[in-house]
Protein backbone atom coordinates (compact mmCIF):
# COMPACT_ATOMS: atom_id res chain seq x y z
CA UNK A 1 -17.30 -5.61 -8.38
CA UNK A 2 -19.51 -2.98 -9.90
CA UNK A 3 -23.13 -4.03 -10.46
CA UNK A 4 -24.36 -1.94 -13.44
CA UNK A 5 -28.05 -2.80 -12.68
CA UNK A 6 -28.15 -1.72 -9.01
CA UNK A 7 -25.38 0.92 -9.48
CA UNK A 8 -23.52 -0.44 -6.43
CA UNK A 9 -20.31 -2.10 -5.51
CA UNK A 10 -20.99 -5.75 -4.54
CA UNK A 11 -18.81 -8.60 -3.15
CA UNK A 12 -19.44 -12.27 -2.77
CA UNK A 13 -17.63 -14.29 -0.02
CA UNK A 14 -17.63 -18.05 0.07
CA UNK A 15 -16.33 -20.07 3.04
CA UNK A 16 -15.31 -23.53 3.81
CA UNK A 17 -17.56 -23.28 6.90
CA UNK A 18 -20.56 -23.85 4.74
CA UNK A 19 -21.96 -20.36 4.48
CA UNK A 20 -21.58 -17.50 2.01
CA UNK A 21 -22.39 -13.77 1.91
CA UNK A 22 -23.31 -11.17 -0.76
CA UNK A 23 -22.53 -7.59 0.29
CA UNK A 24 -23.10 -4.17 -0.96
CA UNK A 25 -20.72 -1.28 -0.18
CA UNK A 26 -21.13 2.44 -0.08
CA UNK A 27 -18.23 4.96 0.37
CA UNK A 28 -19.48 8.04 2.29
CA UNK A 29 -17.64 10.77 4.27
CA UNK A 30 -14.37 8.96 3.99
CA UNK A 31 -15.75 5.57 5.34
CA UNK A 32 -16.81 2.31 3.65
CA UNK A 33 -20.20 0.97 4.84
CA UNK A 34 -21.01 -2.59 3.99
CA UNK A 35 -24.10 -4.72 4.39
CA UNK A 36 -23.77 -8.50 3.95
CA UNK A 37 -26.68 -10.81 3.50
CA UNK A 38 -25.52 -14.13 5.04
CA UNK A 39 -26.81 -17.56 3.84
CA UNK A 40 -26.35 -20.83 5.78
CA UNK A 41 -24.56 -19.57 8.93
CA UNK A 42 -24.71 -22.28 11.60
CA UNK A 43 -25.09 -19.62 14.47
CA UNK A 44 -28.13 -18.07 12.69
CA UNK A 45 -26.50 -14.82 11.56
CA UNK A 46 -28.50 -13.44 8.71
CA UNK A 47 -26.84 -10.01 8.11
CA UNK A 48 -23.74 -8.15 9.06
CA UNK A 49 -23.25 -4.42 8.93
CA UNK A 50 -19.76 -2.97 9.09
CA UNK A 51 -17.91 0.50 8.88
CA UNK A 52 -14.29 0.66 7.81
CA UNK A 53 -12.24 3.72 8.24
CA UNK A 54 -8.63 4.70 7.61
CA UNK A 55 -7.47 6.69 10.57
CA UNK A 56 -4.97 9.47 10.54
CA UNK A 57 -2.47 7.26 12.48
CA UNK A 58 -2.44 4.98 9.40
CA UNK A 59 -4.51 2.30 11.15
CA UNK A 60 -7.57 0.75 9.49
CA UNK A 61 -10.53 0.47 11.88
CA UNK A 62 -13.31 -2.03 11.20
CA UNK A 63 -16.35 -2.27 13.39
CA UNK A 64 -19.26 -4.66 12.77
CA UNK A 65 -22.81 -5.56 14.02
CA UNK A 66 -24.37 -9.01 13.67
CA UNK A 67 -28.07 -9.60 13.03
CA UNK A 68 -30.09 -12.75 13.71
CA UNK A 69 -33.37 -11.71 11.96
CA UNK A 70 -34.33 -8.48 13.81
CA UNK A 71 -32.03 -9.09 16.79
CA UNK A 72 -28.60 -7.32 16.67
CA UNK A 73 -25.45 -7.64 18.66
CA UNK A 74 -21.98 -6.12 18.61
CA UNK A 75 -19.79 -7.97 16.09
CA UNK A 76 -16.02 -7.70 15.94
CA UNK A 77 -13.91 -4.55 16.24
CA UNK A 78 -10.36 -4.48 14.98
CA UNK A 79 -7.58 -1.97 14.38
CA UNK A 80 -5.10 -3.07 11.67
CA UNK A 81 -1.67 -1.35 12.13
CA UNK A 82 0.89 -0.72 9.45
CA UNK A 83 3.92 -2.96 9.83
CA UNK A 84 6.94 -0.49 10.02
CA UNK A 85 9.22 -3.21 8.57
CA UNK A 86 7.00 -4.29 5.74
CA UNK A 87 8.38 -4.33 2.20
CA UNK A 88 6.60 -4.65 -1.09
CA UNK A 89 8.10 -7.46 -3.24
CA UNK A 90 7.60 -8.09 -6.85
CA UNK A 91 8.29 -11.84 -6.40
């Protein structure tokens, strides 16, 4: 959602694992950059940064980094591929 005060796109994510995140997004140079502030994560993760990019192949590439305070580590990396047989349904 758009936050008129901060002039940023924000998202809130609530889990049944007992933690939640509040993130901001920036679209720049054809990529989406997100920064999530994590509250209550059992593994001690405090922040997540990710870059999302739509590739020329039609794949969606997402790569993240996890932070535990000032320590960082590689997060997940995934390529979402279009399903050639997928159909849009109005049902």
